[in-house]
């Protein structure tokens, strides 16, 4: 006569059956973890397909008479100017647009740079001190991808680029997984692979005189 299986044995049998049919139990939601990498610089990691993330639908913002809902000024002196959009003067300034978190996306913005200015897009932002950054520089005539970690800016990819001033240009970042690509007026200028941040917010960045009149993001 077979003895009935006790509760621990039943639980083990059920676990074996689930493993055999190839299915996986859902991964529980956990907050982002902070690890010390790159000489002790704390970097925030989000897992791919993190169930705690709630990416928004495609969005488009324009800067006319007021800041869009969910906008947060991280740093700098940002002002709305008639016919010019939102402008930043002087030292480096950053602004988060919207409040959704994005993983893979196509981000574009129209920008007009003054002389000796640097401006660009920040993305996969964890907070005001941790994000990726793509910029073009009218003084050095460079385009650059940066890692901004614990308020420390480190270039990861740069390229010589003709950056004209006083004209509206289109900045674009396409991000898939760990591949980051930066464009100017449809031309791919810089590309790199980086695993520091897998999801986060997005926004604008400028140093010197620069204006943005619109920004849009499309989920990929």
N, C-alpha and C. Protein backbone atom coordinates (compact mmCIF):
# COMPACT_ATOMS: atom_id res chain seq x y z
N UNK A 1 0.85 -1.19 0.00
CA UNK A 1 0.00 0.00 0.00
C UNK A 1 0.89 1.25 0.00
N UNK A 2 0.55 2.22 -0.89
CA UNK A 2 1.33 3.47 -0.95
C UNK A 2 0.81 4.42 0.11
N UNK A 3 1.76 5.01 0.80
CA UNK A 3 1.39 6.00 1.79
C UNK A 3 1.11 7.35 1.11
N UNK A 4 0.16 8.13 1.57
CA UNK A 4 -0.11 9.44 0.97
C UNK A 4 1.08 10.38 1.16
N UNK A 5 1.33 11.21 0.13
CA UNK A 5 2.44 12.16 0.20
C UNK A 5 2.13 13.23 1.23
N UNK A 6 3.13 13.56 2.01
CA UNK A 6 2.97 14.64 2.97
C UNK A 6 3.10 15.98 2.26
N UNK A 7 2.73 17.07 2.94
CA UNK A 7 2.66 18.40 2.33
C UNK A 7 3.99 18.84 1.73
N UNK A 8 5.15 18.68 2.39
CA UNK A 8 6.41 19.09 1.76
C UNK A 8 6.68 18.34 0.48
N UNK A 9 6.36 17.04 0.44
CA UNK A 9 6.59 16.26 -0.77
C UNK A 9 5.69 16.73 -1.90
N UNK A 10 4.44 17.08 -1.58
CA UNK A 10 3.53 17.61 -2.61
C UNK A 10 4.05 18.91 -3.19
N UNK A 11 4.56 19.78 -2.35
CA UNK A 11 5.10 21.05 -2.82
C UNK A 11 6.29 20.84 -3.74
N UNK A 12 7.15 19.86 -3.39
CA UNK A 12 8.31 19.56 -4.22
C UNK A 12 7.88 19.00 -5.56
N UNK A 13 6.88 18.09 -5.56
CA UNK A 13 6.38 17.51 -6.80
C UNK A 13 5.80 18.59 -7.70
N UNK A 14 5.04 19.53 -7.14
CA UNK A 14 4.46 20.61 -7.92
C UNK A 14 5.55 21.48 -8.54
N UNK A 15 6.60 21.76 -7.81
CA UNK A 15 7.69 22.58 -8.32
C UNK A 15 8.39 21.89 -9.48
N UNK A 16 8.56 20.54 -9.37
CA UNK A 16 9.20 19.78 -10.45
C UNK A 16 8.35 19.79 -11.71
N UNK A 17 7.03 19.66 -11.54
CA UNK A 17 6.13 19.67 -12.70
C UNK A 17 6.17 21.02 -13.41
N UNK A 18 6.20 22.10 -12.65
CA UNK A 18 6.27 23.44 -13.25
C UNK A 18 7.58 23.64 -14.00
N UNK A 19 8.67 23.10 -13.45
CA UNK A 19 9.96 23.24 -14.11
C UNK A 19 10.00 22.46 -15.41
N UNK A 20 9.33 21.31 -15.44
CA UNK A 20 9.36 20.44 -16.62
C UNK A 20 8.57 21.02 -17.78
N UNK A 21 7.52 21.78 -17.52
CA UNK A 21 6.71 22.27 -18.64
C UNK A 21 7.26 23.56 -19.25
N UNK A 22 8.44 24.02 -18.78
CA UNK A 22 9.11 25.15 -19.40
C UNK A 22 8.61 26.50 -18.95
N UNK A 23 7.56 26.56 -18.15
CA UNK A 23 7.04 27.85 -17.71
C UNK A 23 7.86 28.37 -16.54
N UNK A 24 7.88 29.68 -16.39
CA UNK A 24 8.61 30.30 -15.29
C UNK A 24 7.65 31.15 -14.47
N UNK A 25 7.74 31.07 -13.16
CA UNK A 25 6.90 31.93 -12.34
C UNK A 25 7.29 33.38 -12.55
N UNK A 26 6.35 34.31 -12.39
CA UNK A 26 6.68 35.72 -12.59
C UNK A 26 7.74 36.20 -11.62
N UNK A 27 8.65 37.05 -12.13
CA UNK A 27 9.70 37.60 -11.28
C UNK A 27 9.10 38.69 -10.41
N UNK A 28 9.25 38.59 -9.10
CA UNK A 28 8.66 39.61 -8.25
C UNK A 28 9.28 40.98 -8.50
N UNK A 29 8.47 42.01 -8.35
CA UNK A 29 8.95 43.37 -8.56
C UNK A 29 9.91 43.76 -7.43
N UNK A 30 11.05 44.30 -7.81
CA UNK A 30 12.01 44.77 -6.83
C UNK A 30 12.49 46.15 -7.26
N UNK A 31 12.84 46.99 -6.32
CA UNK A 31 13.35 48.32 -6.70
C UNK A 31 14.71 48.21 -7.35
N UNK A 32 15.13 49.27 -8.01
CA UNK A 32 16.45 49.29 -8.63
C UNK A 32 17.51 49.11 -7.55
N UNK A 33 18.59 48.43 -7.93
CA UNK A 33 19.68 48.22 -7.00
C UNK A 33 20.85 49.12 -7.36
N UNK A 34 21.66 49.45 -6.39
CA UNK A 34 22.81 50.30 -6.60
C UNK A 34 24.07 49.50 -6.34
N UNK A 35 24.94 49.44 -7.36
CA UNK A 35 26.19 48.69 -7.25
C UNK A 35 27.37 49.64 -7.42
N UNK A 36 28.49 49.30 -6.83
CA UNK A 36 29.70 50.09 -7.00
C UNK A 36 30.49 49.53 -8.18
N UNK A 37 30.60 50.28 -9.24
CA UNK A 37 31.34 49.86 -10.43
C UNK A 37 32.20 51.00 -10.91
N UNK A 38 33.15 50.71 -11.78
CA UNK A 38 33.95 51.75 -12.39
C UNK A 38 34.70 52.59 -11.36
N UNK A 39 35.45 51.94 -10.51
CA UNK A 39 36.21 52.69 -9.52
C UNK A 39 35.38 53.20 -8.37
N UNK A 40 34.29 52.49 -8.07
CA UNK A 40 33.49 52.86 -6.92
C UNK A 40 32.38 53.85 -7.20
N UNK A 41 32.14 54.18 -8.49
CA UNK A 41 31.04 55.09 -8.80
C UNK A 41 29.73 54.34 -8.69
N UNK A 42 28.82 54.75 -7.80
CA UNK A 42 27.54 54.04 -7.68
C UNK A 42 26.68 54.25 -8.92
N UNK A 43 26.22 53.17 -9.50
CA UNK A 43 25.42 53.22 -10.72
C UNK A 43 24.14 52.45 -10.51
N UNK A 44 23.03 53.00 -10.97
CA UNK A 44 21.72 52.38 -10.75
C UNK A 44 21.38 51.48 -11.92
N UNK A 45 20.89 50.30 -11.63
CA UNK A 45 20.51 49.34 -12.66
C UNK A 45 19.02 49.03 -12.56
N UNK A 46 18.32 49.08 -13.70
CA UNK A 46 16.98 48.54 -13.79
C UNK A 46 17.07 47.27 -14.61
N UNK A 47 16.33 46.24 -14.23
CA UNK A 47 16.29 45.01 -15.03
C UNK A 47 15.49 45.26 -16.30
N UNK A 48 15.82 44.48 -17.36
CA UNK A 48 14.97 44.48 -18.54
C UNK A 48 13.57 44.01 -18.14
N UNK A 49 12.55 44.62 -18.74
CA UNK A 49 11.16 44.23 -18.48
C UNK A 49 10.81 44.25 -17.00
N UNK A 50 11.38 45.19 -16.29
CA UNK A 50 11.10 45.32 -14.87
C UNK A 50 9.60 45.60 -14.69
N UNK A 51 8.86 44.74 -13.96
CA UNK A 51 7.42 44.94 -13.82
C UNK A 51 7.05 46.18 -13.02
N UNK A 52 8.03 46.80 -12.35
CA UNK A 52 7.71 48.02 -11.60
C UNK A 52 7.65 49.23 -12.52
N UNK A 53 8.15 49.11 -13.75
CA UNK A 53 8.17 50.24 -14.66
C UNK A 53 6.82 50.39 -15.36
N UNK A 54 6.43 51.62 -15.59
CA UNK A 54 5.17 51.87 -16.30
C UNK A 54 5.43 52.86 -17.44
N UNK A 55 6.05 52.40 -18.53
CA UNK A 55 6.33 53.32 -19.64
C UNK A 55 5.05 53.87 -20.24
N UNK A 56 5.09 55.13 -20.60
CA UNK A 56 3.91 55.78 -21.17
C UNK A 56 3.78 55.52 -22.65
N UNK A 57 2.70 55.98 -23.24
CA UNK A 57 2.50 55.89 -24.68
C UNK A 57 3.33 56.98 -25.36
N UNK A 58 3.25 57.03 -26.68
CA UNK A 58 3.97 58.07 -27.41
C UNK A 58 3.48 59.44 -26.96
N UNK A 59 4.42 60.35 -26.71
CA UNK A 59 4.09 61.67 -26.23
C UNK A 59 4.80 62.74 -27.04
N UNK A 60 4.18 63.90 -27.10
CA UNK A 60 4.79 65.06 -27.74
C UNK A 60 4.53 66.27 -26.87
N UNK A 61 5.59 67.03 -26.59
CA UNK A 61 5.46 68.23 -25.78
C UNK A 61 5.95 69.43 -26.57
N UNK A 62 5.29 70.56 -26.40
CA UNK A 62 5.76 71.82 -26.98
C UNK A 62 5.84 72.85 -25.87
N UNK A 63 6.79 73.76 -26.00
CA UNK A 63 7.01 74.78 -24.98
C UNK A 63 6.55 76.12 -25.53
N UNK A 64 5.33 76.52 -25.16
CA UNK A 64 4.74 77.74 -25.71
C UNK A 64 4.56 78.78 -24.60
N UNK A 65 3.58 78.56 -23.74
CA UNK A 65 3.29 79.54 -22.70
C UNK A 65 3.44 78.98 -21.29
N UNK A 66 3.61 77.67 -21.17
CA UNK A 66 3.77 77.07 -19.85
C UNK A 66 4.52 75.75 -19.98
N UNK A 67 5.07 75.29 -18.87
CA UNK A 67 5.79 74.02 -18.87
C UNK A 67 4.80 72.87 -18.86
N UNK A 68 5.08 71.79 -19.60
CA UNK A 68 4.18 70.63 -19.61
C UNK A 68 4.03 70.02 -18.22
N UNK A 69 2.90 69.38 -17.99
CA UNK A 69 2.66 68.72 -16.71
C UNK A 69 3.74 67.67 -16.45
N UNK A 70 4.18 67.58 -15.23
CA UNK A 70 5.20 66.59 -14.87
C UNK A 70 6.62 67.05 -15.09
N UNK A 71 6.80 68.28 -15.58
CA UNK A 71 8.15 68.78 -15.82
C UNK A 71 8.83 69.14 -14.49
N UNK A 72 10.10 68.74 -14.37
CA UNK A 72 10.87 69.02 -13.17
C UNK A 72 12.20 69.65 -13.58
N UNK A 73 12.51 70.80 -13.03
CA UNK A 73 13.80 71.43 -13.31
C UNK A 73 14.84 70.85 -12.36
N UNK A 74 15.84 70.15 -12.94
CA UNK A 74 16.92 69.58 -12.14
C UNK A 74 17.94 70.64 -11.75
N UNK A 75 18.28 71.50 -12.73
CA UNK A 75 19.31 72.52 -12.49
C UNK A 75 19.23 73.57 -13.58
N UNK A 76 19.74 74.78 -13.30
CA UNK A 76 19.84 75.80 -14.32
C UNK A 76 18.74 76.85 -14.25
N UNK A 77 18.82 77.80 -15.18
CA UNK A 77 17.87 78.91 -15.26
C UNK A 77 17.09 78.79 -16.56
N UNK A 78 15.97 78.06 -16.54
CA UNK A 78 15.17 77.81 -17.73
C UNK A 78 14.03 78.82 -17.79
N UNK A 79 13.84 79.42 -18.98
CA UNK A 79 12.78 80.42 -19.13
C UNK A 79 12.05 80.23 -20.45
N UNK A 80 10.74 80.42 -20.40
CA UNK A 80 9.92 80.38 -21.61
C UNK A 80 9.98 81.74 -22.29
N UNK A 81 10.39 81.72 -23.57
CA UNK A 81 10.50 82.96 -24.34
C UNK A 81 9.59 82.87 -25.55
N UNK A 82 8.84 83.91 -25.80
CA UNK A 82 7.89 83.93 -26.92
C UNK A 82 8.61 83.68 -28.24
N UNK A 83 8.14 82.70 -28.99
CA UNK A 83 8.70 82.38 -30.29
C UNK A 83 9.98 81.58 -30.25
N UNK A 84 10.48 81.29 -29.05
CA UNK A 84 11.76 80.57 -28.95
C UNK A 84 11.66 79.29 -28.14
N UNK A 85 10.56 79.08 -27.42
CA UNK A 85 10.43 77.88 -26.61
C UNK A 85 11.03 78.07 -25.23
N UNK A 86 11.62 77.02 -24.70
CA UNK A 86 12.23 77.08 -23.38
C UNK A 86 13.74 77.21 -23.57
N UNK A 87 14.34 78.19 -22.89
CA UNK A 87 15.74 78.53 -23.11
C UNK A 87 16.52 78.46 -21.80
N UNK A 88 17.80 78.13 -21.94
CA UNK A 88 18.71 78.04 -20.81
C UNK A 88 19.92 78.92 -21.11
N UNK A 89 20.36 79.66 -20.10
CA UNK A 89 21.52 80.54 -20.24
C UNK A 89 22.56 80.18 -19.19
N UNK A 90 23.84 80.29 -19.57
CA UNK A 90 24.91 80.20 -18.58
C UNK A 90 25.32 78.78 -18.24
N UNK A 91 25.46 78.52 -16.93
CA UNK A 91 25.97 77.23 -16.47
C UNK A 91 25.03 76.10 -16.84
N UNK A 92 25.52 74.88 -16.70
CA UNK A 92 24.76 73.70 -17.14
C UNK A 92 23.41 73.61 -16.45
N UNK A 93 22.38 73.32 -17.24
CA UNK A 93 21.04 73.15 -16.71
C UNK A 93 20.39 71.90 -17.27
N UNK A 94 19.56 71.26 -16.47
CA UNK A 94 18.87 70.03 -16.90
C UNK A 94 17.42 70.10 -16.47
N UNK A 95 16.55 69.55 -17.31
CA UNK A 95 15.12 69.56 -17.01
C UNK A 95 14.52 68.21 -17.42
N UNK A 96 13.73 67.61 -16.53
CA UNK A 96 13.03 66.36 -16.83
C UNK A 96 11.66 66.69 -17.39
N UNK A 97 11.29 66.06 -18.50
CA UNK A 97 10.01 66.32 -19.16
C UNK A 97 9.10 65.11 -18.95
N UNK A 98 7.91 65.34 -18.39
CA UNK A 98 7.00 64.24 -18.10
C UNK A 98 7.48 63.45 -16.90
N UNK A 99 6.71 62.42 -16.56
CA UNK A 99 7.03 61.63 -15.38
C UNK A 99 7.08 60.13 -15.66
N UNK A 100 6.90 59.73 -16.92
CA UNK A 100 6.92 58.30 -17.24
C UNK A 100 8.35 57.78 -17.35
N UNK A 101 8.49 56.47 -17.22
CA UNK A 101 9.77 55.79 -17.37
C UNK A 101 9.80 55.04 -18.69
N UNK A 102 10.93 55.12 -19.38
CA UNK A 102 11.05 54.52 -20.71
C UNK A 102 12.28 53.61 -20.75
N UNK A 103 12.15 52.52 -21.50
CA UNK A 103 13.26 51.59 -21.67
C UNK A 103 13.82 51.71 -23.08
N UNK A 104 13.08 51.27 -24.09
CA UNK A 104 13.48 51.38 -25.49
C UNK A 104 12.62 52.43 -26.17
N UNK A 105 13.23 53.38 -26.87
CA UNK A 105 12.46 54.51 -27.38
C UNK A 105 13.23 55.26 -28.46
N UNK A 106 12.50 56.14 -29.14
CA UNK A 106 13.02 57.06 -30.14
C UNK A 106 12.68 58.47 -29.64
N UNK A 107 13.69 59.23 -29.24
CA UNK A 107 13.50 60.54 -28.62
C UNK A 107 14.05 61.63 -29.54
N UNK A 108 13.24 62.65 -29.83
CA UNK A 108 13.68 63.75 -30.69
C UNK A 108 13.35 65.09 -30.05
N UNK A 109 14.11 66.12 -30.43
CA UNK A 109 13.84 67.48 -29.97
C UNK A 109 14.42 68.47 -30.96
N UNK A 110 13.76 69.62 -31.07
CA UNK A 110 14.29 70.71 -31.90
C UNK A 110 15.03 71.69 -31.00
N UNK A 111 16.26 72.04 -31.42
CA UNK A 111 17.10 72.89 -30.60
C UNK A 111 17.76 73.96 -31.46
N UNK A 112 17.98 75.12 -30.86
CA UNK A 112 18.72 76.20 -31.51
C UNK A 112 19.83 76.64 -30.56
N UNK A 113 21.07 76.53 -31.02
CA UNK A 113 22.22 76.82 -30.18
C UNK A 113 22.80 78.19 -30.49
N UNK A 114 23.25 78.87 -29.43
CA UNK A 114 24.03 80.07 -29.61
C UNK A 114 25.50 79.72 -29.75
N UNK A 115 26.33 80.75 -29.88
CA UNK A 115 27.78 80.53 -29.95
C UNK A 115 28.29 80.00 -28.61
N UNK A 116 29.25 79.09 -28.69
CA UNK A 116 29.85 78.51 -27.48
C UNK A 116 28.80 77.87 -26.59
N UNK A 117 27.92 77.09 -27.17
CA UNK A 117 26.87 76.42 -26.39
C UNK A 117 26.94 74.91 -26.60
N UNK A 118 26.41 74.19 -25.65
CA UNK A 118 26.29 72.74 -25.72
C UNK A 118 24.88 72.38 -25.27
N UNK A 119 24.20 71.55 -26.04
CA UNK A 119 22.82 71.20 -25.69
C UNK A 119 22.53 69.78 -26.12
N UNK A 120 21.54 69.17 -25.46
CA UNK A 120 21.21 67.80 -25.83
C UNK A 120 20.06 67.21 -25.06
N UNK A 121 19.99 65.89 -25.13
CA UNK A 121 18.90 65.10 -24.56
C UNK A 121 19.43 64.25 -23.42
N UNK A 122 18.73 64.26 -22.30
CA UNK A 122 19.05 63.33 -21.22
C UNK A 122 17.99 62.24 -21.22
N UNK A 123 18.39 61.02 -20.90
CA UNK A 123 17.46 59.90 -20.99
C UNK A 123 17.86 58.79 -20.03
N UNK A 124 16.88 57.89 -19.79
CA UNK A 124 17.00 56.84 -18.77
C UNK A 124 17.46 57.44 -17.45
N UNK A 125 16.90 58.58 -17.11
CA UNK A 125 17.28 59.27 -15.88
C UNK A 125 16.72 58.54 -14.66
N UNK A 126 17.59 58.31 -13.68
CA UNK A 126 17.17 57.75 -12.40
C UNK A 126 16.74 58.88 -11.46
N UNK A 127 17.46 59.98 -11.52
CA UNK A 127 17.17 61.17 -10.73
C UNK A 127 18.04 62.29 -11.30
N UNK A 128 18.12 63.40 -10.62
CA UNK A 128 18.86 64.55 -11.13
C UNK A 128 20.37 64.30 -11.20
N UNK A 129 20.86 63.25 -10.58
CA UNK A 129 22.30 62.99 -10.51
C UNK A 129 22.75 61.78 -11.32
N UNK A 130 21.82 61.08 -11.98
CA UNK A 130 22.18 59.84 -12.67
C UNK A 130 21.35 59.69 -13.95
N UNK A 131 22.01 59.76 -15.10
CA UNK A 131 21.33 59.57 -16.38
C UNK A 131 22.34 59.46 -17.52
N UNK A 132 21.85 59.12 -18.72
CA UNK A 132 22.65 59.21 -19.94
C UNK A 132 22.40 60.58 -20.57
N UNK A 133 23.37 61.02 -21.38
CA UNK A 133 23.26 62.33 -22.01
C UNK A 133 23.87 62.30 -23.40
N UNK A 134 23.14 62.86 -24.36
CA UNK A 134 23.64 63.05 -25.73
C UNK A 134 23.63 64.54 -26.03
N UNK A 135 24.78 65.09 -26.46
CA UNK A 135 24.87 66.52 -26.71
C UNK A 135 25.59 66.82 -28.01
N UNK A 136 25.34 68.04 -28.52
CA UNK A 136 26.16 68.62 -29.59
C UNK A 136 26.73 69.93 -29.05
N UNK A 137 27.94 70.26 -29.51
CA UNK A 137 28.70 71.39 -28.95
C UNK A 137 29.10 72.33 -30.07
N UNK A 138 28.59 73.58 -30.03
CA UNK A 138 28.88 74.53 -31.10
C UNK A 138 30.25 75.18 -30.96
N UNK A 139 30.86 75.07 -29.80
CA UNK A 139 32.21 75.64 -29.61
C UNK A 139 33.28 74.65 -30.02
N UNK A 140 33.19 73.41 -29.51
CA UNK A 140 34.20 72.40 -29.82
C UNK A 140 33.89 71.63 -31.09
N UNK A 141 32.65 71.81 -31.62
CA UNK A 141 32.22 71.11 -32.83
C UNK A 141 32.32 69.58 -32.64
N UNK A 142 31.67 69.14 -31.57
CA UNK A 142 31.65 67.72 -31.21
C UNK A 142 30.21 67.28 -30.93
N UNK A 143 29.95 66.01 -31.15
CA UNK A 143 28.76 65.35 -30.60
C UNK A 143 29.26 64.29 -29.63
N UNK A 144 28.52 64.10 -28.55
CA UNK A 144 29.02 63.23 -27.48
C UNK A 144 27.90 62.47 -26.80
N UNK A 145 28.19 61.25 -26.39
CA UNK A 145 27.37 60.48 -25.48
C UNK A 145 28.09 60.42 -24.14
N UNK A 146 27.35 60.70 -23.07
CA UNK A 146 27.94 60.72 -21.74
C UNK A 146 27.19 59.79 -20.80
N UNK A 147 27.90 59.35 -19.78
CA UNK A 147 27.29 58.74 -18.60
C UNK A 147 27.42 59.74 -17.47
N UNK A 148 26.30 60.12 -16.90
CA UNK A 148 26.28 61.03 -15.75
C UNK A 148 25.91 60.19 -14.54
N UNK A 149 26.88 59.90 -13.68
CA UNK A 149 26.67 59.03 -12.53
C UNK A 149 27.16 59.71 -11.27
N UNK A 150 26.29 59.80 -10.28
CA UNK A 150 26.62 60.46 -9.01
C UNK A 150 27.19 61.86 -9.25
N UNK A 151 26.52 62.60 -10.17
CA UNK A 151 26.88 63.99 -10.50
C UNK A 151 28.25 64.10 -11.17
N UNK A 152 28.77 63.01 -11.70
CA UNK A 152 30.05 63.02 -12.41
C UNK A 152 29.81 62.70 -13.88
N UNK A 153 30.24 63.59 -14.78
CA UNK A 153 30.01 63.45 -16.21
C UNK A 153 31.23 62.79 -16.86
N UNK A 154 30.99 61.65 -17.54
CA UNK A 154 32.08 60.92 -18.20
C UNK A 154 31.71 60.64 -19.64
N UNK A 155 32.52 61.10 -20.63
CA UNK A 155 32.22 60.81 -22.03
C UNK A 155 32.43 59.34 -22.35
N UNK A 156 31.50 58.75 -23.11
CA UNK A 156 31.66 57.36 -23.52
C UNK A 156 31.88 57.22 -25.03
N UNK A 157 31.46 58.24 -25.80
CA UNK A 157 31.68 58.23 -27.25
C UNK A 157 31.58 59.67 -27.77
N UNK A 158 32.54 60.07 -28.63
CA UNK A 158 32.54 61.41 -29.18
C UNK A 158 32.92 61.38 -30.66
N UNK A 159 32.46 62.38 -31.41
CA UNK A 159 32.77 62.47 -32.83
C UNK A 159 32.81 63.93 -33.25
N UNK A 160 33.73 64.26 -34.14
CA UNK A 160 33.79 65.62 -34.70
C UNK A 160 32.52 65.86 -35.51
N UNK A 161 31.85 66.98 -35.28
CA UNK A 161 30.55 67.25 -35.90
C UNK A 161 30.43 68.74 -36.22
N UNK A 162 29.94 69.05 -37.40
CA UNK A 162 29.64 70.44 -37.74
C UNK A 162 28.34 70.85 -37.06
N UNK A 163 28.43 71.78 -36.13
CA UNK A 163 27.27 72.24 -35.39
C UNK A 163 27.08 73.73 -35.67
N UNK A 164 26.09 74.06 -36.49
CA UNK A 164 25.83 75.46 -36.83
C UNK A 164 24.99 76.12 -35.74
N UNK A 165 25.18 77.41 -35.58
CA UNK A 165 24.44 78.15 -34.56
C UNK A 165 23.35 79.00 -35.20
N UNK A 166 22.36 79.37 -34.38
CA UNK A 166 21.31 80.27 -34.82
C UNK A 166 20.26 79.64 -35.72
N UNK A 167 20.29 78.31 -35.88
CA UNK A 167 19.32 77.60 -36.72
C UNK A 167 18.69 76.47 -35.92
N UNK A 168 17.45 76.15 -36.26
CA UNK A 168 16.79 75.04 -35.59
C UNK A 168 17.33 73.73 -36.15
N UNK A 169 17.79 72.87 -35.26
CA UNK A 169 18.33 71.56 -35.63
C UNK A 169 17.52 70.48 -34.89
N UNK A 170 17.57 69.27 -35.41
CA UNK A 170 16.83 68.16 -34.79
C UNK A 170 17.80 67.17 -34.15
N UNK A 171 17.72 67.06 -32.84
CA UNK A 171 18.48 66.07 -32.10
C UNK A 171 17.64 64.81 -31.96
N UNK A 172 18.30 63.66 -31.99
CA UNK A 172 17.56 62.40 -31.90
C UNK A 172 18.41 61.35 -31.19
N UNK A 173 17.78 60.59 -30.33
CA UNK A 173 18.42 59.45 -29.67
C UNK A 173 17.53 58.23 -29.86
N UNK A 174 18.10 57.15 -30.37
CA UNK A 174 17.39 55.87 -30.47
C UNK A 174 18.07 54.89 -29.53
N UNK A 175 17.30 54.32 -28.62
CA UNK A 175 17.83 53.45 -27.57
C UNK A 175 17.13 52.11 -27.61
N UNK A 176 17.90 51.06 -27.76
CA UNK A 176 17.38 49.68 -27.70
C UNK A 176 18.31 48.86 -26.82
N UNK A 177 17.78 48.37 -25.70
CA UNK A 177 18.62 47.58 -24.80
C UNK A 177 19.80 48.39 -24.34
N UNK A 178 21.02 47.89 -24.59
CA UNK A 178 22.22 48.60 -24.17
C UNK A 178 22.85 49.42 -25.28
N UNK A 179 22.22 49.47 -26.46
CA UNK A 179 22.75 50.23 -27.59
C UNK A 179 22.15 51.62 -27.61
N UNK A 180 23.02 52.64 -27.61
CA UNK A 180 22.62 54.04 -27.61
C UNK A 180 23.13 54.70 -28.88
N UNK A 181 22.25 55.40 -29.61
CA UNK A 181 22.65 56.05 -30.85
C UNK A 181 22.21 57.50 -30.84
N UNK A 182 23.12 58.41 -31.22
CA UNK A 182 22.81 59.82 -31.26
C UNK A 182 22.88 60.38 -32.67
N UNK A 183 21.86 61.19 -33.05
CA UNK A 183 21.73 61.73 -34.40
C UNK A 183 21.62 63.24 -34.36
N UNK A 184 22.00 63.88 -35.48
CA UNK A 184 21.75 65.29 -35.69
C UNK A 184 21.21 65.46 -37.10
N UNK A 185 20.01 66.01 -37.22
CA UNK A 185 19.34 66.20 -38.51
C UNK A 185 19.33 64.90 -39.34
N UNK A 186 19.04 63.78 -38.67
CA UNK A 186 18.89 62.50 -39.34
C UNK A 186 20.17 61.74 -39.57
N UNK A 187 21.32 62.32 -39.26
CA UNK A 187 22.60 61.65 -39.49
C UNK A 187 23.10 61.01 -38.19
N UNK A 188 23.42 59.72 -38.26
CA UNK A 188 23.97 59.02 -37.10
C UNK A 188 25.40 59.51 -36.85
N UNK A 189 25.64 60.01 -35.65
CA UNK A 189 26.94 60.57 -35.33
C UNK A 189 27.72 59.75 -34.32
N UNK A 190 27.06 59.27 -33.28
CA UNK A 190 27.75 58.51 -32.24
C UNK A 190 26.91 57.31 -31.84
N UNK A 191 27.58 56.24 -31.51
CA UNK A 191 26.92 55.00 -31.08
C UNK A 191 27.80 54.31 -30.06
N UNK A 192 27.19 53.79 -29.01
CA UNK A 192 27.94 53.07 -28.00
C UNK A 192 27.05 52.04 -27.32
N UNK A 193 27.68 51.20 -26.51
CA UNK A 193 26.95 50.21 -25.71
C UNK A 193 27.22 50.50 -24.24
N UNK A 194 26.16 50.57 -23.45
CA UNK A 194 26.32 50.90 -22.03
C UNK A 194 25.20 50.25 -21.24
N UNK A 195 25.56 49.61 -20.14
CA UNK A 195 24.58 48.89 -19.32
C UNK A 195 24.30 49.57 -17.99
N UNK A 196 24.68 50.84 -17.86
CA UNK A 196 24.50 51.51 -16.56
C UNK A 196 23.03 51.64 -16.19
N UNK A 197 22.18 52.11 -17.14
CA UNK A 197 20.77 52.31 -16.86
C UNK A 197 19.96 51.64 -17.96
N UNK A 198 18.96 50.88 -17.60
CA UNK A 198 18.13 50.18 -18.60
C UNK A 198 16.76 50.82 -18.77
N UNK A 199 16.42 51.79 -17.93
CA UNK A 199 15.14 52.49 -18.07
C UNK A 199 15.19 53.73 -17.19
N UNK A 200 14.30 54.68 -17.48
CA UNK A 200 14.24 55.88 -16.67
C UNK A 200 13.52 57.00 -17.37
N UNK A 201 13.62 58.20 -16.80
CA UNK A 201 12.95 59.36 -17.37
C UNK A 201 13.75 59.98 -18.48
N UNK A 202 13.20 61.07 -19.07
CA UNK A 202 13.88 61.75 -20.16
C UNK A 202 13.74 63.26 -19.98
N UNK A 203 14.59 64.00 -20.71
CA UNK A 203 14.55 65.44 -20.56
C UNK A 203 15.53 66.15 -21.46
N UNK A 204 15.85 67.40 -21.10
CA UNK A 204 16.69 68.28 -21.90
C UNK A 204 17.86 68.77 -21.05
N UNK A 205 18.95 69.11 -21.74
CA UNK A 205 20.16 69.58 -21.05
C UNK A 205 20.80 70.66 -21.89
N UNK A 206 21.36 71.68 -21.26
CA UNK A 206 22.03 72.74 -22.01
C UNK A 206 23.05 73.45 -21.15
N UNK A 207 24.08 73.95 -21.82
CA UNK A 207 25.09 74.79 -21.18
C UNK A 207 25.42 75.91 -22.15
N UNK A 208 25.40 77.15 -21.68
CA UNK A 208 25.50 78.27 -22.59
C UNK A 208 24.11 78.69 -23.03
N UNK A 209 24.01 79.27 -24.21
CA UNK A 209 22.72 79.76 -24.70
C UNK A 209 22.11 78.75 -25.68
N UNK A 210 20.96 78.19 -25.30
CA UNK A 210 20.28 77.21 -26.15
C UNK A 210 18.79 77.24 -25.87
N UNK A 211 17.98 76.97 -26.91
CA UNK A 211 16.53 76.95 -26.79
C UNK A 211 15.97 75.68 -27.41
N UNK A 212 14.92 75.14 -26.80
CA UNK A 212 14.18 73.99 -27.32
C UNK A 212 12.74 74.42 -27.52
N UNK A 213 12.14 74.05 -28.67
CA UNK A 213 10.73 74.42 -28.84
C UNK A 213 9.80 73.22 -28.77
N UNK A 214 10.34 72.00 -28.86
CA UNK A 214 9.49 70.82 -28.77
C UNK A 214 10.34 69.59 -28.49
N UNK A 215 9.69 68.55 -27.95
CA UNK A 215 10.34 67.27 -27.72
C UNK A 215 9.28 66.18 -27.84
N UNK A 216 9.67 65.04 -28.39
CA UNK A 216 8.73 63.93 -28.59
C UNK A 216 9.43 62.61 -28.32
N UNK A 217 8.67 61.63 -27.83
CA UNK A 217 9.22 60.31 -27.59
C UNK A 217 8.24 59.26 -28.11
N UNK A 218 8.77 58.23 -28.75
CA UNK A 218 7.97 57.11 -29.26
C UNK A 218 8.55 55.81 -28.71
N UNK A 219 7.69 55.00 -28.10
CA UNK A 219 8.14 53.72 -27.58
C UNK A 219 8.49 52.77 -28.71
N UNK A 220 9.55 51.99 -28.52
CA UNK A 220 9.95 50.99 -29.51
C UNK A 220 9.67 49.59 -28.98
